[in-house]
PDB file of N, CA and C in Angstrom:
ATOM      1  N   MET A   1      87.120 127.383  99.689  1.00  0.00           N
ATOM      2  CA  MET A   1      87.682 126.179  99.140  1.00  0.00           C
ATOM      3  C   MET A   1      86.799 125.448  98.117  1.00  0.00           C
ATOM      4  N   ASP A   2      87.332 125.295  96.991  1.00  0.00           N
ATOM      5  CA  ASP A   2      86.529 124.488  95.945  1.00  0.00           C
ATOM      6  C   ASP A   2      86.192 123.210  96.374  1.00  0.00           C
ATOM      7  N   GLU A   3      85.417 122.529  95.542  1.00  0.00           N
ATOM      8  CA  GLU A   3      85.155 121.086  95.677  1.00  0.00           C
ATOM      9  C   GLU A   3      86.418 120.213  95.527  1.00  0.00           C
ATOM     10  N   ALA A   4      87.246 120.211  94.656  1.00  0.00           N
ATOM     11  CA  ALA A   4      88.414 119.447  94.565  1.00  0.00           C
ATOM     12  C   ALA A   4      89.375 119.678  95.796  1.00  0.00           C
ATOM     13  N   ALA A   5      89.492 120.937  96.299  1.00  0.00           N
ATOM     14  CA  ALA A   5      90.253 121.156  97.437  1.00  0.00           C
ATOM     15  C   ALA A   5      89.837 120.498  98.642  1.00  0.00           C
ATOM     16  N   CYS A   6      88.335 120.577  98.668  1.00  0.00           N
ATOM     17  CA  CYS A   6      87.780 119.939  99.961  1.00  0.00           C
ATOM     18  C   CYS A   6      87.952 118.402  99.886  1.00  0.00           C
ATOM     19  N   ARG A   7      87.843 117.829  98.618  1.00  0.00           N
ATOM     20  CA  ARG A   7      88.114 116.359  98.579  1.00  0.00           C
ATOM     21  C   ARG A   7      89.568 115.962  98.924  1.00  0.00           C
ATOM     22  N   ARG A   8      90.546 116.834  98.536  1.00  0.00           N
ATOM     23  CA  ARG A   8      92.036 116.559  98.797  1.00  0.00           C
ATOM     24  C   ARG A   8      92.039 116.832 100.362  1.00  0.00           C
ATOM     25  N   PHE A   9      91.577 117.800 100.981  1.00  0.00           N
ATOM     26  CA  PHE A   9      91.609 118.064 102.339  1.00  0.00           C
ATOM     27  C   PHE A   9      91.055 116.781 103.218  1.00  0.00           C
ATOM     28  N   GLN A  10      89.831 116.480 102.984  1.00  0.00           N
ATOM     29  CA  GLN A  10      89.341 115.175 103.609  1.00  0.00           C
ATOM     30  C   GLN A  10      90.085 114.146 103.275  1.00  0.00           C
ATOM     31  N   ARG A  11      90.832 113.737 102.132  1.00  0.00           N
ATOM     32  CA  ARG A  11      91.453 112.649 101.920  1.00  0.00           C
ATOM     33  C   ARG A  11      92.934 112.645 102.854  1.00  0.00           C
ATOM     34  N   SER A  12      93.380 113.888 103.068  1.00  0.00           N
ATOM     35  CA  SER A  12      94.574 114.038 103.779  1.00  0.00           C
ATOM     36  C   SER A  12      94.384 113.898 105.199  1.00  0.00           C
ATOM     37  N   VAL A  13      93.254 114.564 105.758  1.00  0.00           N
ATOM     38  CA  VAL A  13      92.858 114.355 107.067  1.00  0.00           C
ATOM     39  C   VAL A  13      92.649 112.910 107.473  1.00  0.00           C
ATOM     40  N   GLU A  14      91.857 112.222 106.649  1.00  0.00           N
ATOM     41  CA  GLU A  14      91.739 110.891 106.859  1.00  0.00           C
ATOM     42  C   GLU A  14      92.924 110.071 106.883  1.00  0.00           C
ATOM     43  N   PHE A  15      93.792 110.285 105.841  1.00  0.00           N
ATOM     44  CA  PHE A  15      95.157 109.528 105.829  1.00  0.00           C
ATOM     45  C   PHE A  15      95.888 109.690 107.121  1.00  0.00           C
ATOM     46  N   ALA A  16      96.096 111.086 107.510  1.00  0.00           N
ATOM     47  CA  ALA A  16      96.911 111.357 108.527  1.00  0.00           C
ATOM     48  C   ALA A  16      96.345 110.899 109.886  1.00  0.00           C
ATOM     49  N   GLY A  17      95.007 110.858 109.941  1.00  0.00           N
ATOM     50  CA  GLY A  17      94.213 110.438 111.233  1.00  0.00           C
ATOM     51  C   GLY A  17      93.990 109.077 111.282  1.00  0.00           C
ATOM     52  N   ARG A  18      94.323 108.335 110.311  1.00  0.00           N
ATOM     53  CA  ARG A  18      94.064 106.710 110.324  1.00  0.00           C
ATOM     54  C   ARG A  18      94.849 106.109 111.506  1.00  0.00           C
ATOM     55  N   LYS A  19      94.101 105.420 112.312  1.00  0.00           N
ATOM     56  CA  LYS A  19      94.784 104.666 113.366  1.00  0.00           C
ATOM     57  C   LYS A  19      95.996 103.938 113.120  1.00  0.00           C
ATOM     58  N   TRP A  20      96.992 104.238 113.877  1.00  0.00           N
ATOM     59  CA  TRP A  20      98.326 103.910 113.754  1.00  0.00           C
ATOM     60  C   TRP A  20      99.328 104.607 112.781  1.00  0.00           C
ATOM     61  N   ASN A  21      98.694 105.240 111.776  1.00  0.00           N
ATOM     62  CA  ASN A  21      99.552 105.944 110.767  1.00  0.00           C
ATOM     63  C   ASN A  21     100.530 106.761 111.387  1.00  0.00           C
ATOM     64  N   GLY A  22     100.201 107.670 112.354  1.00  0.00           N
ATOM     65  CA  GLY A  22     100.839 108.705 112.944  1.00  0.00           C
ATOM     66  C   GLY A  22     101.875 107.941 113.931  1.00  0.00           C
ATOM     67  N   ALA A  23     101.462 107.024 114.659  1.00  0.00           N
ATOM     68  CA  ALA A  23     102.385 106.423 115.459  1.00  0.00           C
ATOM     69  C   ALA A  23     103.428 105.694 114.718  1.00  0.00           C
ATOM     70  N   ILE A  24     103.226 105.163 113.589  1.00  0.00           N
ATOM     71  CA  ILE A  24     104.109 104.347 113.054  1.00  0.00           C
ATOM     72  C   ILE A  24     105.190 105.314 112.226  1.00  0.00           C
ATOM     73  N   LEU A  25     104.813 106.543 111.802  1.00  0.00           N
ATOM     74  CA  LEU A  25     105.394 107.570 111.086  1.00  0.00           C
ATOM     75  C   LEU A  25     106.467 108.051 112.186  1.00  0.00           C
ATOM     76  N   LEU A  26     105.933 108.403 113.348  1.00  0.00           N
ATOM     77  CA  LEU A  26     106.652 109.066 114.377  1.00  0.00           C
ATOM     78  C   LEU A  26     107.850 107.978 114.987  1.00  0.00           C
ATOM     79  N   ALA A  27     107.492 106.662 114.968  1.00  0.00           N
ATOM     80  CA  ALA A  27     108.546 105.793 115.266  1.00  0.00           C
ATOM     81  C   ALA A  27     109.652 105.775 114.210  1.00  0.00           C
ATOM     82  N   GLY A  28     109.173 105.961 113.018  1.00  0.00           N
ATOM     83  CA  GLY A  28     110.232 105.887 112.088  1.00  0.00           C
ATOM     84  C   GLY A  28     111.270 107.136 112.220  1.00  0.00           C
ATOM     85  N   VAL A  29     110.458 108.389 112.428  1.00  0.00           N
ATOM     86  CA  VAL A  29     111.320 109.505 112.761  1.00  0.00           C
ATOM     87  C   VAL A  29     112.232 109.438 113.790  1.00  0.00           C
ATOM     88  N   ARG A  30     111.725 108.625 114.911  1.00  0.00           N
ATOM     89  CA  ARG A  30     112.501 108.683 116.092  1.00  0.00           C
ATOM     90  C   ARG A  30     113.607 107.331 116.029  1.00  0.00           C
ATOM     91  N   GLY A  31     113.793 106.944 114.932  1.00  0.00           N
ATOM     92  CA  GLY A  31     114.801 105.710 114.772  1.00  0.00           C
ATOM     93  C   GLY A  31     114.541 104.384 114.510  1.00  0.00           C
ATOM     94  N   ALA A  32     113.259 104.124 114.567  1.00  0.00           N
ATOM     95  CA  ALA A  32     112.876 102.617 114.246  1.00  0.00           C
ATOM     96  C   ALA A  32     113.117 102.324 112.841  1.00  0.00           C
ATOM     97  N   ARG A  33     113.625 101.065 112.637  1.00  0.00           N
ATOM     98  CA  ARG A  33     113.925 100.825 111.118  1.00  0.00           C
ATOM     99  C   ARG A  33     113.540  99.335 111.042  1.00  0.00           C
ATOM    100  N   ARG A  34     113.737  98.426 111.871  1.00  0.00           N
ATOM    101  CA  ARG A  34     113.439  97.104 111.590  1.00  0.00           C
ATOM    102  C   ARG A  34     111.869  96.801 112.229  1.00  0.00           C
ATOM    103  N   PHE A  35     111.258  95.684 111.652  1.00  0.00           N
ATOM    104  CA  PHE A  35     109.849  95.399 112.053  1.00  0.00           C
ATOM    105  C   PHE A  35     109.746  95.295 113.587  1.00  0.00           C
ATOM    106  N   SER A  36     110.661  94.624 114.139  1.00  0.00           N
ATOM    107  CA  SER A  36     110.566  94.635 115.513  1.00  0.00           C
ATOM    108  C   SER A  36     110.795  95.796 116.397  1.00  0.00           C
ATOM    109  N   GLU A  37     111.558  96.735 115.851  1.00  0.00           N
ATOM    110  CA  GLU A  37     111.751  98.177 116.537  1.00  0.00           C
ATOM    111  C   GLU A  37     110.329  98.960 116.280  1.00  0.00           C
ATOM    112  N   TYR A  38     109.697  98.675 115.159  1.00  0.00           N
ATOM    113  CA  TYR A  38     108.332  99.477 115.121  1.00  0.00           C
ATOM    114  C   TYR A  38     107.396  98.763 116.129  1.00  0.00           C
ATOM    115  N   ARG A  39     107.414  97.566 116.233  1.00  0.00           N
ATOM    116  CA  ARG A  39     106.510  96.705 117.113  1.00  0.00           C
ATOM    117  C   ARG A  39     106.585  97.178 118.522  1.00  0.00           C
ATOM    118  N   ALA A  40     107.978  97.201 118.929  1.00  0.00           N
ATOM    119  CA  ALA A  40     108.317  97.738 120.341  1.00  0.00           C
ATOM    120  C   ALA A  40     107.923  99.123 120.648  1.00  0.00           C
ATOM    121  N   THR A  41     107.995  99.890 119.631  1.00  0.00           N
ATOM    122  CA  THR A  41     107.595 101.408 119.701  1.00  0.00           C
ATOM    123  C   THR A  41     106.125 101.752 119.706  1.00  0.00           C
ATOM    124  N   VAL A  42     105.431 101.085 118.859  1.00  0.00           N
ATOM    125  CA  VAL A  42     104.172 101.426 118.627  1.00  0.00           C
ATOM    126  C   VAL A  42     103.312 100.570 119.587  1.00  0.00           C
ATOM    127  N   ASP A  43     102.967 100.950 120.742  1.00  0.00           N
ATOM    128  CA  ASP A  43     102.381 100.115 121.735  1.00  0.00           C
ATOM    129  C   ASP A  43     100.856  99.875 121.452  1.00  0.00           C
ATOM    130  N   GLY A  44     100.668  98.494 121.330  1.00  0.00           N
ATOM    131  CA  GLY A  44      99.164  97.934 121.122  1.00  0.00           C
ATOM    132  C   GLY A  44      98.896  97.543 119.797  1.00  0.00           C
ATOM    133  N   ILE A  45      99.768  97.696 118.851  1.00  0.00           N
ATOM    134  CA  ILE A  45      99.538  97.286 117.497  1.00  0.00           C
ATOM    135  C   ILE A  45      99.803  95.729 117.387  1.00  0.00           C
ATOM    136  N   SER A  46      99.165  95.002 116.685  1.00  0.00           N
ATOM    137  CA  SER A  46      99.278  93.492 116.412  1.00  0.00           C
ATOM    138  C   SER A  46     100.366  93.505 115.329  1.00  0.00           C
ATOM    139  N   ASP A  47     100.999  92.352 115.052  1.00  0.00           N
ATOM    140  CA  ASP A  47     102.034  92.183 114.056  1.00  0.00           C
ATOM    141  C   ASP A  47     101.327  92.214 112.761  1.00  0.00           C
ATOM    142  N   ARG A  48     100.050  91.559 112.551  1.00  0.00           N
ATOM    143  CA  ARG A  48      99.406  91.491 111.436  1.00  0.00           C
ATOM    144  C   ARG A  48      99.070  92.911 110.824  1.00  0.00           C
ATOM    145  N   LEU A  49      98.743  93.844 111.819  1.00  0.00           N
ATOM    146  CA  LEU A  49      98.053  95.151 111.570  1.00  0.00           C
ATOM    147  C   LEU A  49      99.328  96.185 111.145  1.00  0.00           C
ATOM    148  N   LEU A  50     100.449  95.732 111.840  1.00  0.00           N
ATOM    149  CA  LEU A  50     101.677  96.722 111.704  1.00  0.00           C
ATOM    150  C   LEU A  50     102.210  96.344 110.236  1.00  0.00           C
ATOM    151  N   ALA A  51     102.117  95.065 109.957  1.00  0.00           N
ATOM    152  CA  ALA A  51     102.498  94.656 108.600  1.00  0.00           C
ATOM    153  C   ALA A  51     101.640  95.317 107.482  1.00  0.00           C
ATOM    154  N   ALA A  52     100.486  95.293 107.724  1.00  0.00           N
ATOM    155  CA  ALA A  52      99.488  95.712 106.810  1.00  0.00           C
ATOM    156  C   ALA A  52      99.614  97.379 106.586  1.00  0.00           C
ATOM    157  N   ARG A  53      99.989  98.099 107.714  1.00  0.00           N
ATOM    158  CA  ARG A  53      99.978  99.648 107.769  1.00  0.00           C
ATOM    159  C   ARG A  53     101.254  99.983 107.177  1.00  0.00           C
ATOM    160  N   LEU A  54     102.437  99.274 107.541  1.00  0.00           N
ATOM    161  CA  LEU A  54     103.752  99.440 106.711  1.00  0.00           C
ATOM    162  C   LEU A  54     103.607  99.331 105.170  1.00  0.00           C
ATOM    163  N   LYS A  55     102.918  98.408 104.742  1.00  0.00           N
ATOM    164  CA  LYS A  55     102.559  98.126 103.376  1.00  0.00           C
ATOM    165  C   LYS A  55     101.770  99.269 102.664  1.00  0.00           C
ATOM    166  N   GLU A  56     100.679  99.676 103.456  1.00  0.00           N
ATOM    167  CA  GLU A  56      99.957 100.709 103.041  1.00  0.00           C
ATOM    168  C   GLU A  56     100.751 102.011 103.116  1.00  0.00           C
ATOM    169  N   LEU A  57     101.470 102.273 104.027  1.00  0.00           N
ATOM    170  CA  LEU A  57     102.378 103.587 104.051  1.00  0.00           C
ATOM    171  C   LEU A  57     103.384 103.617 102.917  1.00  0.00           C
ATOM    172  N   GLU A  58     103.905 102.328 102.805  1.00  0.00           N
ATOM    173  CA  GLU A  58     104.869 102.301 101.637  1.00  0.00           C
ATOM    174  C   GLU A  58     104.137 102.596 100.221  1.00  0.00           C
ATOM    175  N   ALA A  59     102.852 102.071 100.117  1.00  0.00           N
ATOM    176  CA  ALA A  59     102.237 102.318  98.759  1.00  0.00           C
ATOM    177  C   ALA A  59     101.856 103.600  98.654  1.00  0.00           C
ATOM    178  N   GLU A  60     101.661 104.596  99.657  1.00  0.00           N
ATOM    179  CA  GLU A  60     101.283 105.915  99.791  1.00  0.00           C
ATOM    180  C   GLU A  60     102.590 106.689  99.369  1.00  0.00           C
ATOM    181  N   GLY A  61     103.782 106.145  99.728  1.00  0.00           N
ATOM    182  CA  GLY A  61     104.929 106.843  99.349  1.00  0.00           C
ATOM    183  C   GLY A  61     105.683 107.662 100.702  1.00  0.00           C
ATOM    184  N   VAL A  62     105.066 107.276 101.839  1.00  0.00           N
ATOM    185  CA  VAL A  62     105.551 107.952 103.000  1.00  0.00           C
ATOM    186  C   VAL A  62     106.563 107.111 103.770  1.00  0.00           C
ATOM    187  N   ILE A  63     106.626 105.671 103.542  1.00  0.00           N
ATOM    188  CA  ILE A  63     107.627 104.807 104.203  1.00  0.00           C
ATOM    189  C   ILE A  63     108.356 104.227 102.982  1.00  0.00           C
ATOM    190  N   GLU A  64     109.645 104.009 103.155  1.00  0.00           N
ATOM    191  CA  GLU A  64     110.422 103.265 102.120  1.00  0.00           C
ATOM    192  C   GLU A  64     110.787 102.021 102.758  1.00  0.00           C
ATOM    193  N   ARG A  65     110.607 100.958 101.947  1.00  0.00           N
ATOM    194  CA  ARG A  65     111.190  99.520 102.411  1.00  0.00           C
ATOM    195  C   ARG A  65     112.478  99.403 101.731  1.00  0.00           C
ATOM    196  N   HIS A  66     113.319  98.926 102.483  1.00  0.00           N
ATOM    197  CA  HIS A  66     114.873  98.520 102.000  1.00  0.00           C
ATOM    198  C   HIS A  66     114.966  96.991 102.132  1.00  0.00           C
ATOM    199  N   VAL A  67     115.409  96.306 101.213  1.00  0.00           N
ATOM    200  CA  VAL A  67     115.806  94.862 101.468  1.00  0.00           C
ATOM    201  C   VAL A  67     117.193  94.751 101.027  1.00  0.00           C
ATOM    202  N   LYS A  68     117.848  94.032 102.081  1.00  0.00           N
ATOM    203  CA  LYS A  68     119.308  93.913 102.042  1.00  0.00           C
ATOM    204  C   LYS A  68     119.515  92.496 102.037  1.00  0.00           C
ATOM    205  N   ALA A  69     120.240  91.924 100.962  1.00  0.00           N
ATOM    206  CA  ALA A  69     120.536  90.380 100.722  1.00  0.00           C
ATOM    207  C   ALA A  69     121.464  89.946 101.658  1.00  0.00           C
ATOM    208  N   THR A  70     121.156  89.708 102.694  1.00  0.00           N
ATOM    209  CA  THR A  70     121.960  88.987 103.894  1.00  0.00           C
ATOM    210  C   THR A  70     121.224  87.650 104.218  1.00  0.00           C
ATOM    211  N   THR A  71     121.933  86.888 105.146  1.00  0.00           N
ATOM    212  CA  THR A  71     121.341  85.649 105.579  1.00  0.00           C
ATOM    213  C   THR A  71     121.011  85.716 107.087  1.00  0.00           C
ATOM    214  N   PRO A  72     119.910  86.009 107.633  1.00  0.00           N
ATOM    215  CA  PRO A  72     118.673  86.032 106.789  1.00  0.00           C
ATOM    216  C   PRO A  72     118.440  87.499 106.165  1.00  0.00           C
ATOM    217  N   VAL A  73     117.471  87.580 105.270  1.00  0.00           N
ATOM    218  CA  VAL A  73     117.286  88.765 104.469  1.00  0.00           C
ATOM    219  C   VAL A  73     116.996  89.909 105.637  1.00  0.00           C
ATOM    220  N   THR A  74     117.562  91.118 105.577  1.00  0.00           N
ATOM    221  CA  THR A  74     117.345  92.205 106.304  1.00  0.00           C
ATOM    222  C   THR A  74     116.348  93.223 105.632  1.00  0.00           C
ATOM    223  N   ILE A  75     115.163  93.371 106.347  1.00  0.00           N
ATOM    224  CA  ILE A  75     114.266  94.524 105.790  1.00  0.00           C
ATOM    225  C   ILE A  75     114.193  95.520 106.709  1.00  0.00           C
ATOM    226  N   THR A  76     114.445  96.839 106.230  1.00  0.00           N
ATOM    227  CA  THR A  76     114.193  98.067 107.101  1.00  0.00           C
ATOM    228  C   THR A  76     113.188  98.930 106.421  1.00  0.00           C
ATOM    229  N   TYR A  77     112.609  99.830 107.209  1.00  0.00           N
ATOM    230  CA  TYR A  77     111.522 100.793 106.780  1.00  0.00           C
ATOM    231  C   TYR A  77     111.946 101.989 107.311  1.00  0.00           C
ATOM    232  N   THR A  78     112.084 102.992 106.417  1.00  0.00           N
ATOM    233  CA  THR A  78     112.447 104.489 106.934  1.00  0.00           C
ATOM    234  C   THR A  78     111.420 105.516 106.331  1.00  0.00           C
ATOM    235  N   PRO A  79     111.073 106.506 106.942  1.00  0.00           N
ATOM    236  CA  PRO A  79     110.376 107.637 106.463  1.00  0.00           C
ATOM    237  C   PRO A  79     111.041 108.244 105.163  1.00  0.00           C
ATOM    238  N   SER A  80     110.071 108.299 104.126  1.00  0.00           N
ATOM    239  CA  SER A  80     110.508 108.880 102.875  1.00  0.00           C
ATOM    240  C   SER A  80     110.647 110.474 103.116  1.00  0.00           C
ATOM    241  N   ALA A  81     111.068 111.147 102.076  1.00  0.00           N
ATOM    242  CA  ALA A  81     110.871 112.607 102.120  1.00  0.00           C
ATOM    243  C   ALA A  81     109.599 113.207 102.292  1.00  0.00           C
ATOM    244  N   SER A  82     108.587 112.300 101.640  1.00  0.00           N
ATOM    245  CA  SER A  82     107.242 112.865 101.703  1.00  0.00           C
ATOM    246  C   SER A  82     106.804 112.543 103.238  1.00  0.00           C
ATOM    247  N   GLY A  83     107.166 111.375 103.754  1.00  0.00           N
ATOM    248  CA  GLY A  83     106.735 111.170 105.211  1.00  0.00           C
ATOM    249  C   GLY A  83     107.315 112.089 106.079  1.00  0.00           C
ATOM    250  N   LEU A  84     108.513 112.495 105.944  1.00  0.00           N
ATOM    251  CA  LEU A  84     109.087 113.543 106.824  1.00  0.00           C
ATOM    252  C   LEU A  84     108.409 114.950 106.699  1.00  0.00           C
ATOM    253  N   GLN A  85     107.994 115.146 105.264  1.00  0.00           N
ATOM    254  CA  GLN A  85     107.347 116.472 105.204  1.00  0.00           C
ATOM    255  C   GLN A  85     105.961 116.346 105.661  1.00  0.00           C
ATOM    256  N   LEU A  86     105.283 115.161 105.826  1.00  0.00           N
ATOM    257  CA  LEU A  86     104.082 115.090 106.431  1.00  0.00           C
ATOM    258  C   LEU A  86     104.077 115.367 107.833  1.00  0.00           C
ATOM    259  N   ILE A  87     105.070 114.679 108.600  1.00  0.00           N
ATOM    260  CA  ILE A  87     105.391 114.905 110.004  1.00  0.00           C
ATOM    261  C   ILE A  87     105.544 116.420 110.229  1.00  0.00           C
ATOM    262  N   GLU A  88     106.262 117.198 109.438  1.00  0.00           N
ATOM    263  CA  GLU A  88     106.545 118.565 109.747  1.00  0.00           C
ATOM    264  C   GLU A  88     105.355 119.217 109.568  1.00  0.00           C
ATOM    265  N   LEU A  89     104.534 118.889 108.627  1.00  0.00           N
ATOM    266  CA  LEU A  89     103.203 119.675 108.336  1.00  0.00           C
ATOM    267  C   LEU A  89     102.180 119.356 109.362  1.00  0.00           C
ATOM    268  N   LEU A  90     102.410 118.401 110.238  1.00  0.00           N
ATOM    269  CA  LEU A  90     101.448 117.969 111.228  1.00  0.00           C
ATOM    270  C   LEU A  90     101.800 118.645 112.594  1.00  0.00           C
ATOM    271  N   GLN A  91     102.955 119.264 112.642  1.00  0.00           N
ATOM    272  CA  GLN A  91     103.520 119.967 113.857  1.00  0.00           C
ATOM    273  C   GLN A  91     102.630 121.142 114.271  1.00  0.00           C
ATOM    274  N   PRO A  92     102.063 122.043 113.380  1.00  0.00           N
ATOM    275  CA  PRO A  92     101.093 122.950 113.877  1.00  0.00           C
ATOM    276  C   PRO A  92      99.796 122.372 114.370  1.00  0.00           C
ATOM    277  N   LEU A  93      99.416 121.337 113.895  1.00  0.00           N
ATOM    278  CA  LEU A  93      98.234 120.636 114.483  1.00  0.00           C
ATOM    279  C   LEU A  93      98.548 120.117 115.792  1.00  0.00           C
ATOM    280  N   VAL A  94      99.616 119.712 116.050  1.00  0.00           N
ATOM    281  CA  VAL A  94     100.142 119.049 117.363  1.00  0.00           C
ATOM    282  C   VAL A  94     100.033 120.416 118.274  1.00  0.00           C
ATOM    283  N   GLU A  95     100.636 121.516 117.878  1.00  0.00           N
ATOM    284  CA  GLU A  95     100.640 122.705 118.779  1.00  0.00           C
ATOM    285  C   GLU A  95      99.271 123.243 118.900  1.00  0.00           C
ATOM    286  N   TRP A  96      98.299 123.308 117.931  1.00  0.00           N
ATOM    287  CA  TRP A  96      97.144 123.746 118.193  1.00  0.00           C
ATOM    288  C   TRP A  96      96.385 122.976 119.225  1.00  0.00           C
ATOM    289  N   ASP A  97      96.562 121.516 119.075  1.00  0.00           N
ATOM    290  CA  ASP A  97      95.890 120.581 120.029  1.00  0.00           C
ATOM    291  C   ASP A  97      96.400 120.807 121.477  1.00  0.00           C
ATOM    292  N   ALA A  98      97.601 121.106 121.680  1.00  0.00           N
ATOM    293  CA  ALA A  98      98.281 121.434 123.032  1.00  0.00           C
ATOM    294  C   ALA A  98      97.479 122.726 123.631  1.00  0.00           C
ATOM    295  N   GLY A  99      97.329 123.738 122.783  1.00  0.00           N
ATOM    296  CA  GLY A  99      96.750 124.925 123.293  1.00  0.00           C
ATOM    297  C   GLY A  99      95.224 124.557 123.465  1.00  0.00           C
ATOM    298  N   HIS A 100      94.640 124.141 122.408  1.00  0.00           N
ATOM    299  CA  HIS A 100      93.162 123.822 122.426  1.00  0.00           C
ATOM    300  C   HIS A 100      92.716 123.073 123.707  1.00  0.00           C
ATOM    301  N   MET A 101      93.565 121.844 123.911  1.00  0.00           N
ATOM    302  CA  MET A 101      93.343 121.000 125.082  1.00  0.00           C
ATOM    303  C   MET A 101      93.474 121.690 126.407  1.00  0.00           C
ATOM    304  N   ALA A 102      94.489 122.476 126.623  1.00  0.00           N
ATOM    305  CA  ALA A 102      94.876 123.111 127.704  1.00  0.00           C
ATOM    306  C   ALA A 102      93.800 124.291 128.132  1.00  0.00           C
ATOM    307  N   ALA A 103      93.094 124.798 126.980  1.00  0.00           N
ATOM    308  CA  ALA A 103      92.099 125.836 127.257  1.00  0.00           C
ATOM    309  C   ALA A 103      90.805 125.147 127.632  1.00  0.00           C
ATOM    310  N   ARG A 104      90.643 123.932 127.005  1.00  0.00           N
ATOM    311  CA  ARG A 104      89.414 122.990 127.188  1.00  0.00           C
ATOM    312  C   ARG A 104      89.491 122.676 128.772  1.00  0.00           C
ATOM    313  N   GLU A 105      90.629 122.099 129.167  1.00  0.00           N
ATOM    314  CA  GLU A 105      90.816 121.521 130.362  1.00  0.00           C
ATOM    315  C   GLU A 105      90.788 122.691 131.433  1.00  0.00           C
ATOM    316  N   GLY A 106      91.166 123.972 131.201  1.00  0.00           N
ATOM    317  CA  GLY A 106      91.190 124.906 132.137  1.00  0.00           C
ATOM    318  C   GLY A 106      89.571 125.481 132.300  1.00  0.00           C
ATOM    319  N   GLY A 107      89.052 125.316 131.247  1.00  0.00           N
ATOM    320  CA  GLY A 107      87.531 125.715 131.376  1.00  0.00           C
ATOM    321  C   GLY A 107      86.743 124.561 132.098  1.00  0.00           C
ATOM    322  N   ASP A 108      87.133 123.190 131.885  1.00  0.00           N
ATOM    323  CA  ASP A 108      86.524 122.201 132.614  1.00  0.00           C
ATOM    324  C   ASP A 108      86.706 122.406 134.233  1.00  0.00           C
ATOM    325  N   ALA A 109      88.086 122.798 134.512  1.00  0.00           N
ATOM    326  CA  ALA A 109      88.390 122.988 135.900  1.00  0.00           C
ATOM    327  C   ALA A 109      87.676 124.074 136.439  1.00  0.00           C
ATOM    328  N   ALA A 110      87.489 125.272 135.588  1.00  0.00           N
ATOM    329  CA  ALA A 110      86.882 126.393 136.179  1.00  0.00           C
ATOM    330  C   ALA A 110      85.270 126.059 136.527  1.00  0.00           C
ATOM    331  N   ARG A 111      84.729 125.223 135.624  1.00  0.00           N
ATOM    332  CA  ARG A 111      83.299 124.950 135.805  1.00  0.00           C
ATOM    333  C   ARG A 111      83.114 123.860 136.908  1.00  0.00           C
ATOM    334  N   ASP A 112      84.067 122.953 137.184  1.00  0.00           N
ATOM    335  CA  ASP A 112      84.044 122.143 138.235  1.00  0.00           C
ATOM    336  C   ASP A 112      84.160 122.652 139.534  1.00  0.00           C
ATOM    337  N   ALA A 113      85.075 123.783 139.607  1.00  0.00           N
ATOM    338  CA  ALA A 113      85.174 124.582 140.859  1.00  0.00           C
ATOM    339  C   ALA A 113      83.945 125.345 141.282  1.00  0.00           C
ATOM    340  N   GLY A 114      83.185 125.743 140.207  1.00  0.00           N
ATOM    341  CA  GLY A 114      81.982 126.895 140.457  1.00  0.00           C
ATOM    342  C   GLY A 114      80.861 126.136 140.875  1.00  0.00           C
TER     343      GLY A 114
END
């Protein structure tokens, strides 16, 4: 991997792994649209931090913000095509984690029994 690819790799891993990003994207994929739905789905996040992360995810192009001129104004957030692609690309990592953790836990159990 050349230097430029290493930097892109590092940037991608840091973005995907930043606290709350994955949970917020997953909430959107699972149907959250309004701020209150994200807050109810993403356990433990403060309103201030959720608002900041939604704004950052929108700036990165993985969340789209939609404003509907109603009274009061309705604002919704949906995963963009890029956000959906990111979730898809993370699936193999989730599968790796499941196998890796199962193997580690099995090894820990064997060591504990010995």
